Protein backbone atom coordinates (compact mmCIF):
# COMPACT_ATOMS: atom_id res chain seq x y z
CA MET A 1 49.96 44.92 -160.12
CA THR A 2 53.38 43.78 -159.24
CA GLY A 3 55.85 44.50 -156.37
CA THR A 4 59.67 44.19 -155.60
CA SER A 5 60.96 43.73 -151.92
CA ILE A 6 64.21 45.49 -151.00
CA LYS A 7 65.12 45.58 -147.62
CA GLY A 8 63.11 47.39 -145.57
CA PHE A 9 61.25 49.19 -148.47
CA ILE A 10 58.66 47.98 -151.16
CA LEU A 11 58.68 49.13 -154.52
CA ILE A 12 55.11 48.61 -156.36
CA TYR A 13 54.88 49.06 -160.16
CA ALA A 14 51.83 49.10 -162.12
CA GLY A 15 50.94 46.44 -164.89
CA GLY A 16 54.82 45.84 -165.12
CA THR A 17 55.44 49.16 -166.85
CA GLY A 18 58.28 49.96 -164.74
CA THR A 19 56.51 52.96 -163.86
CA MET A 20 57.20 53.66 -159.75
CA GLU A 21 53.69 54.54 -158.19
CA LYS A 22 53.98 54.43 -154.38
CA LEU A 23 57.08 53.07 -152.08
CA THR A 24 55.89 51.67 -148.75
CA TYR A 25 58.58 51.26 -146.40
CA GLU A 26 59.20 48.82 -143.34
CA GLY A 27 60.70 49.30 -140.08
CA GLY A 28 61.03 46.45 -137.09
CA GLY A 29 64.66 46.28 -136.90
CA TYR A 30 64.86 48.09 -133.64
CA ASN A 31 63.78 46.54 -130.64
CA VAL A 32 64.14 48.69 -127.37
CA LEU A 33 62.15 46.05 -125.44
CA THR A 34 63.01 41.87 -125.12
CA GLU A 35 60.06 39.29 -125.59
CA LYS A 36 60.09 39.03 -121.69
CA GLU A 37 59.98 42.34 -121.27
CA ILE A 38 57.18 42.82 -123.59
CA SER A 39 55.42 39.82 -121.67
CA GLN A 40 56.16 41.63 -118.64
CA ILE A 41 54.85 44.77 -119.44
CA HIS A 42 51.38 42.98 -120.92
CA GLU A 43 50.54 41.15 -117.97
CA THR A 44 51.49 44.21 -115.81
CA SER A 45 48.80 45.87 -117.98
CA ILE A 46 46.19 43.11 -117.36
CA LYS A 47 46.56 43.75 -113.55
CA VAL A 48 45.96 46.84 -113.93
CA LEU A 49 42.43 46.59 -115.87
CA GLU A 50 41.30 43.49 -113.73
CA ASN A 51 41.99 44.90 -110.29
CA VAL A 52 42.21 48.89 -110.70
CA GLY A 53 39.74 49.25 -113.29
CA PHE A 54 38.98 52.19 -115.75
CA GLU A 55 36.78 54.89 -114.85
CA ILE A 56 34.29 56.07 -117.80
CA ASN A 57 31.43 58.53 -116.37
CA TYR A 58 29.14 57.59 -119.70
CA PRO A 59 26.28 55.05 -118.97
CA PRO A 60 25.89 53.36 -122.63
CA ALA A 61 29.82 52.17 -122.26
CA LEU A 62 29.59 50.96 -119.14
CA GLU A 63 26.37 48.34 -120.42
CA ILE A 64 28.14 47.68 -123.42
CA PHE A 65 31.15 46.37 -120.87
CA GLU A 66 28.54 44.66 -118.57
CA LYS A 67 26.96 43.14 -121.28
CA ASN A 68 30.29 41.35 -122.23
CA GLY A 69 31.29 40.41 -118.96
CA ALA A 70 33.03 43.22 -117.65
CA THR A 71 31.88 44.04 -113.65
CA VAL A 72 31.01 47.76 -113.55
CA ASP A 73 30.94 49.64 -110.38
CA HIS A 74 27.95 52.04 -111.15
CA GLN A 75 28.32 54.30 -108.62
CA ARG A 76 32.12 55.29 -109.06
CA HIS A 77 31.73 54.78 -112.69
CA ARG A 78 34.29 51.91 -113.01
CA ILE A 79 34.97 49.09 -115.10
CA TYR A 80 36.66 45.92 -114.34
CA VAL A 81 37.54 44.04 -117.44
CA THR A 82 38.99 40.42 -117.73
CA ARG A 83 41.98 39.11 -119.46
CA ASP A 84 39.48 37.19 -121.67
CA LEU A 85 37.60 39.88 -122.67
CA VAL A 86 40.80 42.09 -123.53
CA SER A 87 41.85 39.23 -125.67
CA ARG A 88 38.41 38.91 -127.66
CA CYS A 89 38.15 42.63 -128.44
CA VAL A 90 42.23 42.74 -129.50
CA LYS A 91 41.41 39.98 -131.65
CA GLN A 92 38.67 41.38 -133.44
CA ALA A 93 40.35 44.67 -134.05
CA PRO A 94 41.65 44.67 -137.88
CA ALA A 95 45.38 44.09 -138.09
CA GLU A 96 45.80 46.44 -140.60
CA PHE A 97 43.63 48.51 -142.96
CA VAL A 98 43.79 51.05 -145.83
CA PHE A 99 43.59 54.90 -145.59
CA TYR A 100 42.55 56.14 -148.40
CA GLY A 101 43.71 59.52 -149.96
CA ARG A 102 41.35 61.26 -152.85
CA LYS A 103 44.71 61.80 -155.07
CA GLU A 104 45.80 59.06 -156.96
CA GLY A 105 49.09 57.51 -155.23
CA ASN A 106 48.08 58.88 -152.00
CA ASP A 107 46.63 55.31 -150.33
CA ILE A 108 48.95 53.81 -147.29
CA THR A 109 48.02 50.96 -145.33
CA ILE A 110 48.30 51.08 -141.72
CA GLY A 111 49.62 48.25 -139.98
CA GLY A 112 52.05 45.56 -139.98
CA LYS A 113 55.98 47.15 -139.83
CA LYS A 114 54.82 49.56 -142.57
CA VAL A 115 55.94 53.09 -141.68
CA ASN A 116 54.08 56.07 -142.44
CA PHE A 117 54.70 59.81 -141.28
CA GLY A 118 52.45 62.36 -141.22
CA THR A 119 51.06 65.80 -139.07
CA GLY A 120 49.50 66.28 -135.81
CA GLY A 121 48.77 68.36 -133.14
CA LEU A 122 46.69 71.27 -131.57
CA ALA A 123 48.88 74.09 -131.85
CA LEU A 124 47.71 77.18 -130.76
CA TYR A 125 50.25 79.57 -132.52
CA VAL A 126 51.85 79.77 -135.76
CA LEU A 127 55.51 81.19 -136.89
CA ASP A 128 54.43 82.21 -140.00
CA LEU A 129 57.27 83.18 -143.24
CA GLU A 130 57.63 86.20 -141.72
CA ARG A 131 58.80 84.89 -138.31
CA ASN A 132 56.15 86.18 -136.59
CA LYS A 133 54.52 83.82 -133.92
CA ARG A 134 50.87 84.75 -133.97
CA PRO A 135 47.48 83.05 -133.09
CA GLY A 136 46.74 80.29 -135.40
CA GLU A 137 43.80 80.84 -137.84
CA ILE A 138 41.46 79.17 -140.24
CA HIS A 139 44.03 80.43 -143.61
CA ASP A 140 46.78 78.79 -141.81
CA VAL A 141 44.97 75.33 -141.96
CA ALA A 142 44.44 75.60 -146.00
CA GLU A 143 47.73 76.76 -146.16
CA LEU A 144 49.50 73.76 -144.47
CA ALA A 145 47.18 71.38 -146.01
CA ARG A 146 48.89 72.74 -149.48
CA LEU A 147 51.98 72.69 -148.20
CA ALA A 148 51.54 68.96 -146.77
CA ASP A 149 50.10 68.19 -150.31
CA ARG A 150 53.56 68.92 -151.67
CA LEU A 151 55.96 67.35 -149.50
CA GLU A 152 56.81 63.83 -150.62
CA TYR A 153 57.72 61.73 -147.25
CA LEU A 154 54.60 63.30 -145.72
CA ASN A 155 51.97 60.53 -145.86
CA PHE A 156 48.82 61.75 -144.09
CA PHE A 157 47.68 65.36 -143.03
CA ILE A 158 46.12 65.84 -139.49
CA ASN A 159 45.05 69.31 -138.70
CA PRO A 160 47.73 70.84 -136.85
CA LEU A 161 46.18 74.05 -135.31
CA TYR A 162 43.14 75.50 -133.62
CA PRO A 163 42.01 78.60 -135.68
CA HIS A 164 41.19 81.41 -133.27
CA ASP A 165 39.09 83.12 -135.86
CA ILE A 166 36.33 80.85 -136.14
CA ASN A 167 33.76 80.02 -133.72
CA ILE A 168 34.24 76.72 -131.72
CA GLU A 169 30.86 75.58 -132.64
CA THR A 170 31.95 75.59 -135.99
CA VAL A 171 35.34 74.47 -135.77
CA ASP A 172 35.28 71.27 -136.63
CA ILE A 173 33.72 71.36 -140.03
CA ASN A 174 35.62 74.50 -141.17
CA THR A 175 39.04 72.82 -140.06
CA ARG A 176 37.95 69.57 -141.55
CA TYR A 177 36.65 71.04 -145.19
CA GLN A 178 39.62 73.33 -145.42
CA SER A 179 41.91 70.17 -145.01
CA LEU A 180 39.91 68.32 -147.40
CA LEU A 181 40.12 70.92 -149.88
CA ASN A 182 43.90 71.60 -150.20
CA THR A 183 45.02 67.79 -149.86
CA GLY A 184 44.68 64.90 -151.70
CA LYS A 185 45.85 63.01 -148.81
CA PRO A 186 44.21 60.96 -145.89
CA ILE A 187 43.15 63.62 -143.41
CA MET A 188 42.30 62.91 -139.60
CA GLY A 189 41.79 65.51 -136.42
CA GLY A 190 40.29 66.03 -133.14
CA ILE A 191 36.66 66.06 -132.39
CA PHE A 192 35.20 69.18 -130.68
CA SER A 193 31.41 68.53 -130.49
CA LYS A 194 29.49 65.40 -131.39
CA GLN A 195 27.58 68.09 -133.96
CA GLY A 196 30.83 68.78 -135.59
CA LEU A 197 31.75 64.88 -135.67
CA GLU A 198 28.35 64.38 -137.36
CA ASP A 199 28.10 67.20 -139.34
CA SER A 200 31.94 65.97 -140.75
CA ILE A 201 30.71 63.06 -141.59
CA LYS A 202 28.12 64.13 -143.67
CA ILE A 203 30.31 66.61 -145.28
CA ALA A 204 32.79 63.92 -146.73
CA SER A 205 29.99 61.53 -147.58
CA ILE A 206 28.86 64.01 -150.07
CA ILE A 207 32.52 64.29 -151.66
CA ALA A 208 32.45 60.68 -151.23
CA GLY A 209 28.94 60.30 -153.16
CA GLY A 210 27.40 58.74 -149.82
CA LEU A 211 28.02 57.28 -146.48
CA GLU A 212 28.60 53.79 -147.67
CA LYS A 213 31.07 54.75 -150.64
CA LEU A 214 32.96 56.66 -147.61
CA GLN A 215 32.73 54.11 -145.29
CA ARG A 216 34.00 51.48 -148.05
CA ARG A 217 37.18 53.91 -149.39
CA PRO A 218 37.41 55.85 -145.79
CA PHE A 219 39.39 58.90 -146.40
CA ILE A 220 38.64 60.83 -143.28
CA GLY A 221 39.34 59.84 -139.77
CA PHE A 222 38.80 60.91 -136.18
CA ILE A 223 40.76 60.95 -132.99
CA SER A 224 39.35 60.95 -129.36
CA SER A 225 41.18 61.60 -126.15
CA ILE A 226 41.80 59.34 -123.06
CA THR A 227 42.65 61.20 -119.89
CA SER A 228 45.73 59.68 -118.25
CA PRO A 229 45.39 58.43 -115.84
CA LEU A 230 43.04 55.38 -116.96
CA LYS A 231 39.83 57.66 -117.65
CA ILE A 232 37.59 58.56 -120.65
CA SER A 233 35.36 61.02 -119.97
CA ALA A 234 31.74 60.92 -121.21
CA GLU A 235 32.10 63.12 -123.97
CA GLN A 236 35.18 61.18 -125.07
CA ALA A 237 33.44 57.80 -124.66
CA GLU A 238 30.53 59.33 -126.87
CA TYR A 239 32.68 60.12 -129.76
CA ILE A 240 34.60 56.69 -129.65
CA MET A 241 31.55 54.94 -129.76
CA GLU A 242 29.97 57.41 -132.43
CA VAL A 243 33.22 56.82 -134.76
CA ALA A 244 33.09 53.11 -134.66
CA ARG A 245 29.55 52.87 -135.14
CA TYR A 246 30.67 54.42 -138.62
CA GLY A 247 33.11 52.48 -138.98
CA LEU A 248 35.50 54.78 -139.85
CA PRO A 249 39.30 55.30 -138.77
CA LEU A 250 39.79 56.13 -135.63
CA ALA A 251 42.74 56.83 -133.06
CA THR A 252 41.95 56.97 -129.09
CA SER A 253 45.37 58.83 -128.39
CA THR A 254 46.47 58.61 -124.57
CA ALA A 255 48.98 60.85 -123.72
CA PRO A 256 50.17 59.87 -120.02
CA ALA A 257 53.49 62.15 -118.55
CA ALA A 258 55.88 60.32 -116.84
CA GLY A 259 55.86 61.82 -113.24
CA ALA A 260 52.92 63.88 -113.37
CA THR A 261 50.00 61.91 -114.94
CA ALA A 262 52.03 58.36 -115.15
CA PRO A 263 54.26 56.93 -112.93
CA ILE A 264 57.87 58.43 -113.64
CA THR A 265 59.81 54.98 -114.67
CA LEU A 266 59.81 54.52 -118.64
CA ALA A 267 58.04 51.23 -117.73
CA GLY A 268 55.51 52.14 -115.31
CA THR A 269 54.58 55.00 -117.94
CA LEU A 270 54.47 52.10 -120.50
CA VAL A 271 52.30 49.93 -118.32
CA GLN A 272 49.60 52.35 -117.93
CA GLN A 273 49.81 53.59 -121.43
CA ASN A 274 49.18 50.03 -122.26
CA ALA A 275 46.13 49.64 -120.41
CA GLU A 276 44.89 52.82 -121.60
CA ALA A 277 45.37 52.16 -125.59
CA LEU A 278 43.55 48.43 -124.93
CA MET A 279 40.72 50.33 -123.28
CA GLY A 280 40.08 52.71 -126.51
CA ILE A 281 40.38 49.44 -128.97
CA MET A 282 38.03 47.49 -126.39
CA LEU A 283 35.59 50.03 -126.63
CA SER A 284 35.54 50.79 -129.92
CA GLN A 285 35.46 46.92 -130.78
CA LEU A 286 32.30 46.06 -128.22
CA VAL A 287 30.45 48.42 -130.68
CA ASN A 288 31.59 47.50 -133.99
CA PRO A 289 33.79 44.18 -134.49
CA GLY A 290 36.17 45.19 -136.94
CA ALA A 291 35.98 48.62 -137.02
CA PRO A 292 39.57 50.18 -137.80
CA VAL A 293 41.08 51.54 -134.73
CA LEU A 294 44.73 52.23 -133.92
CA TYR A 295 46.77 51.66 -130.69
CA SER A 296 47.15 54.97 -129.78
CA ALA A 297 49.88 56.51 -127.73
CA VAL A 298 51.66 60.14 -127.24
CA PRO A 299 53.82 59.45 -124.01
CA ILE A 300 55.85 62.19 -122.90
CA THR A 301 58.14 62.73 -120.27
CA MET A 302 58.36 65.88 -117.60
CA ASP A 303 61.85 67.67 -116.62
CA MET A 304 61.06 67.60 -112.93
CA ARG A 305 63.60 70.88 -112.63
CA THR A 306 61.16 73.15 -114.52
CA MET A 307 57.51 70.89 -114.72
CA SER A 308 57.47 71.28 -118.01
CA PHE A 309 56.23 68.33 -120.37
CA LEU A 310 58.72 67.33 -122.74
CA MET A 311 57.57 66.26 -126.53
CA GLY A 312 61.33 65.98 -127.53
CA SER A 313 62.82 64.04 -124.89
CA ILE A 314 64.84 61.01 -126.20
CA GLU A 315 63.02 59.07 -123.57
CA SER A 316 59.82 60.03 -125.31
CA GLY A 317 61.49 58.45 -128.26
CA LEU A 318 62.27 55.42 -126.84
CA MET A 319 58.91 54.52 -125.03
CA ASN A 320 57.42 55.46 -128.71
CA ALA A 321 59.52 52.54 -130.02
CA ALA A 322 58.43 50.14 -127.00
CA ILE A 323 54.81 51.27 -128.15
CA THR A 324 55.48 50.18 -131.13
CA GLN A 325 56.61 47.20 -130.10
CA MET A 326 53.31 46.24 -127.91
CA ALA A 327 51.32 47.16 -131.22
CA HIS A 328 53.08 44.90 -133.23
CA TYR A 329 52.96 42.12 -130.00
CA TYR A 330 48.87 42.36 -130.41
CA ARG A 331 49.12 42.24 -134.02
CA LEU A 332 47.57 46.06 -134.10
CA PRO A 333 48.03 49.22 -136.17
CA CYS A 334 49.79 51.63 -133.92
CA TYR A 335 49.50 55.63 -133.98
CA LEU A 336 52.73 57.38 -132.35
CA THR A 337 53.95 60.59 -131.84
CA VAL A 338 57.50 61.64 -132.56
CA GLY A 339 59.11 64.85 -134.84
CA THR A 340 58.24 67.24 -131.91
CA THR A 341 60.63 69.22 -130.44
CA ASP A 342 60.65 71.41 -127.36
CA SER A 343 62.77 74.15 -128.95
CA LYS A 344 60.76 77.24 -129.90
CA LEU A 345 62.52 78.03 -133.34
CA PRO A 346 63.41 75.72 -136.05
CA ASP A 347 67.29 75.42 -134.90
CA ALA A 348 69.69 72.51 -133.90
CA GLN A 349 67.71 71.56 -130.55
CA ALA A 350 64.42 71.26 -132.87
CA ALA A 351 66.36 69.37 -135.86
CA HIS A 352 68.09 66.89 -133.34
CA GLU A 353 65.06 66.06 -131.83
CA SER A 354 62.74 65.74 -134.41
CA ALA A 355 65.36 63.25 -136.16
CA THR A 356 66.41 61.20 -132.98
CA THR A 357 63.00 60.65 -132.20
CA GLY A 358 61.67 60.03 -135.84
CA MET A 359 64.34 57.72 -136.51
CA LEU A 360 63.98 55.53 -133.71
CA ALA A 361 60.09 55.22 -134.51
CA ALA A 362 60.57 54.61 -137.99
CA LEU A 363 63.30 51.98 -137.22
CA ALA A 364 61.10 50.32 -134.73
CA GLY A 365 58.19 50.01 -137.59
CA GLY A 366 55.70 52.80 -136.11
CA ASN A 367 52.78 52.24 -138.55
CA PHE A 368 51.16 56.40 -138.08
CA ILE A 369 53.96 58.65 -136.72
CA HIS A 370 51.91 61.94 -136.66
CA GLU A 371 52.99 65.45 -135.22
CA ALA A 372 56.28 64.55 -137.24
CA PHE A 373 56.28 67.84 -139.34
CA GLY A 374 56.44 71.45 -137.91
CA MET A 375 55.83 71.17 -134.59
CA LEU A 376 57.76 73.35 -131.88
CA ASP A 377 57.69 74.83 -128.48
CA GLY A 378 56.25 71.12 -127.53
CA ALA A 379 53.29 71.21 -130.19
CA LEU A 380 52.24 74.98 -128.89
CA THR A 381 53.58 75.99 -132.22
CA VAL A 382 53.87 74.80 -135.56
CA SER A 383 55.87 76.60 -138.01
CA TYR A 384 56.00 76.54 -142.34
CA ALA A 385 59.75 76.45 -142.39
CA GLN A 386 59.66 73.40 -139.99
CA TYR A 387 57.48 71.43 -142.27
CA ILE A 388 60.27 71.69 -144.80
CA ILE A 389 62.93 70.65 -142.45
CA ASP A 390 60.96 67.75 -141.27
CA ASN A 391 60.43 66.56 -144.61
CA ASP A 392 64.08 66.25 -145.02
CA ILE A 393 64.35 64.77 -141.71
CA VAL A 394 61.80 62.25 -142.47
CA GLY A 395 63.36 61.27 -145.94
CA SER A 396 66.44 60.84 -144.02
CA CYS A 397 64.49 58.47 -141.55
CA LEU A 398 63.24 56.50 -144.75
CA ARG A 399 66.29 56.45 -146.59
CA THR A 400 67.72 54.44 -143.28
CA LEU A 401 64.76 51.72 -143.76
CA ARG A 402 65.87 51.16 -147.50
CA GLY A 403 69.37 50.21 -146.32
CA ILE A 404 71.90 49.09 -148.57
CA GLU A 405 70.67 47.10 -151.04
CA ILE A 406 73.07 43.91 -152.17
CA ASN A 407 72.95 42.44 -155.30
CA GLN A 408 75.24 41.12 -158.47
CA ASP A 409 74.87 45.28 -160.04
CA SER A 410 75.07 46.99 -157.39
CA LEU A 411 78.28 45.29 -156.06
CA ALA A 412 79.69 47.01 -159.17
CA TYR A 413 82.44 44.32 -159.68
CA ASP A 414 82.52 44.54 -163.53
CA ILE A 415 82.71 48.27 -163.39
CA ILE A 416 85.23 48.23 -160.93
CA ALA A 417 87.12 46.07 -163.31
CA LYS A 418 86.50 48.27 -166.27
CA VAL A 419 87.79 51.38 -164.58
CA GLY A 420 90.78 50.07 -162.82
CA PRO A 421 93.12 51.47 -160.34
CA GLY A 422 93.84 55.21 -161.00
CA GLY A 423 90.79 55.45 -162.94
CA ASN A 424 87.39 57.67 -162.44
CA TYR A 425 83.52 56.33 -162.44
CA LEU A 426 82.29 60.21 -163.02
CA SER A 427 81.44 59.29 -166.64
CA GLU A 428 80.55 55.89 -166.63
CA GLU A 429 76.63 54.57 -167.39
CA HIS A 430 76.72 52.48 -163.79
CA THR A 431 77.10 55.86 -162.31
CA ILE A 432 74.34 57.72 -164.35
CA LYS A 433 72.09 54.78 -163.42
CA TYR A 434 72.28 55.54 -160.13
CA MET A 435 73.11 59.15 -159.48
CA ARG A 436 69.50 60.07 -158.18
CA THR A 437 68.63 56.93 -156.21
CA GLU A 438 71.47 55.80 -154.37
CA SER A 439 71.64 58.88 -151.68
CA PHE A 440 69.16 60.78 -150.19
CA ALA A 441 69.26 64.45 -151.79
CA PRO A 442 67.26 66.70 -148.68
CA GLN A 443 66.02 70.19 -149.68
CA ALA A 444 66.73 72.74 -146.89
CA SER A 445 70.15 71.45 -146.37
CA ASP A 446 73.12 73.25 -147.76
CA ARG A 447 75.72 71.12 -149.59
CA GLN A 448 77.84 73.77 -151.56
CA PRO A 449 81.43 74.44 -151.07
CA TYR A 450 82.04 77.29 -148.74
CA GLN A 451 82.54 80.19 -151.38
CA ARG A 452 79.37 79.07 -153.25
CA TRP A 453 77.16 79.31 -149.91
CA LEU A 454 78.66 82.53 -149.40
CA ASP A 455 77.59 83.92 -152.72
CA ALA A 456 74.43 82.76 -152.59
CA GLY A 457 73.81 84.86 -149.45
CA SER A 458 75.14 82.61 -146.55
CA LYS A 459 71.29 81.33 -146.16
CA ASP A 460 70.96 79.05 -143.15
CA SER A 461 68.58 76.32 -143.10
CA TRP A 462 65.71 77.86 -141.83
CA LYS A 463 65.73 80.62 -144.09
CA ARG A 464 66.19 78.01 -147.12
CA ALA A 465 63.58 76.04 -145.89
CA GLU A 466 61.28 79.67 -145.70
CA GLU A 467 62.09 79.94 -149.13
CA LEU A 468 60.89 76.52 -150.26
CA ALA A 469 57.74 76.80 -148.08
CA ALA A 470 56.64 80.42 -149.75
CA GLN A 471 57.97 78.91 -153.82
CA PHE A 472 55.56 75.61 -152.81
CA LEU A 473 52.78 77.79 -151.70
CA GLN A 474 52.79 79.99 -154.87
CA GLU A 475 52.72 76.91 -156.97
CA PRO A 476 49.32 76.51 -159.00
CA SER A 477 47.10 73.66 -158.00
CA ASP A 478 44.11 71.93 -159.50
CA PRO A 479 41.02 71.93 -157.13
CA ILE A 480 40.75 68.94 -155.39
CA ILE A 481 36.73 69.10 -154.61
CA PRO A 482 35.06 69.95 -158.06
CA PRO A 483 33.49 72.99 -157.54
CA GLU A 484 29.97 71.22 -158.42
CA ILE A 485 30.59 69.34 -155.22
CA ASP A 486 31.90 72.49 -153.34
CA ALA A 487 28.83 74.59 -154.11
CA ARG A 488 26.96 71.44 -153.12
CA VAL A 489 28.76 71.63 -149.68
CA ARG A 490 28.07 75.18 -148.81
CA GLU A 491 24.89 75.30 -149.84
CA GLU A 492 24.01 72.77 -147.38
CA PHE A 493 26.64 74.03 -144.57
CA PRO A 494 26.83 78.17 -144.93
CA GLU A 495 28.98 78.37 -142.07
CA LEU A 496 31.49 77.02 -143.81
CA VAL A 497 34.37 79.83 -144.38
CA THR A 498 35.98 80.97 -147.68
CA VAL A 499 39.90 80.74 -147.61
CA GLU A 500 41.58 82.64 -151.05
CA LYS A 501 44.89 81.33 -151.73
CA GLY A 502 47.54 83.36 -149.58
CA ASP A 503 45.23 84.72 -147.19
CA GLY A 504 47.00 86.62 -144.29
CA LEU A 505 50.23 85.55 -145.49
CA HIS A 506 53.03 88.16 -147.23
CA TRP A 507 56.33 86.04 -148.83
CA GLU A 508 59.41 87.71 -149.41
CA THR A 509 61.24 85.97 -151.89
CA GLU A 510 64.39 87.25 -153.92
CA SER A 511 62.41 88.17 -156.92
CA GLY A 512 60.32 90.22 -154.49
């Protein structure tokens, strides 16, 4: 395997054949914090962990911290950790790890300044291709996973919605299995019960050919939650410890809201979220040193006029860029939340909020950027069409990371000399060579002359995105899980539902 580094991205070639297998994009050029400011946030977070403490109402977690030198107030379920313990746990966590896909070319490396975008959220509603806003259902999980599998700039799939037609006792395995059935990209998701966690791992192990094979090449990961301010519930602490024992990828999501569950200043929110993210790292590493865990953060702001939580504010984008720098400081892979908009529709607000926050995270070098596809109304609604629009937005972010390639051929002196004054470059081989790679070509945007746009139906981006989503979902696809494996899984877990392609969706295209 050979590779060539070009500005902010790396081309990987197979065996010197010249066939491109994968693009890896790298950021890190944008720094919202100075080195001094990073140090100030770190030092203040250490003071919080040492003196204010952290509440974890789960005896096994208290015991493992106490065993490793933390001061524990068992009556108040509060832990006070030392600087040395923080440092030891951070050093034990891997600086990067591979999250594997089950289809060729879908493995991603998480860490360093490598940039990966994907889905996420747990929306309650769906904005479908008929523009109906309705409660999400299990067939939407399946179709959105299929759509995610088709989008070239989407690197991983986190189940983006809660299916209201599934009993909560089987939500974990049904959402996870529909994800596994419909995309070969790495998948992740939250946890509703310990049984659901155990069953999800068992299903993934069957698909992998055994638990050990799954642990060697994990294609499934899990998300637990830390409650702001400075608390981990007994349930979530148990999930963190269990996933860490298995050694599967883990995000310990912390979502401080500036002005509500965190200080109103961005700096104060960063201090608190840093302490919370470090606590997730510590608990996982005390259970299983070296377990793959993400420095995880979902910082948001509030509109103090309406008391609304804001996911798409530019301040959230700034904090995610700062969080990326903090993760780089600790040499930890990071989990970010950008691309979500507070708009209720795929409109101009949705576009500019998704684009600005996504660009900041990409330029900063965020590793695992979730909720970047399809999320509207502060992540309460997921939109099929917005998936397509966000694919264009993420594509633009990644094109920005590539920068401008400067070499003898791209400087083009020879072709300039050949064409000379008054000529044109349209028919030149140099133009043909670069015409498909030099410029990014969005799919939902319209770049036709005005009259052609009128003649084509005067469609806006939302309409074009709906048509593309319908087209992608109607295209035939090969099974990702072999039928014999599917049968074995369903025999062991009869509560798994069956979703047929296109269940519950009715598309109208120009051809009818």
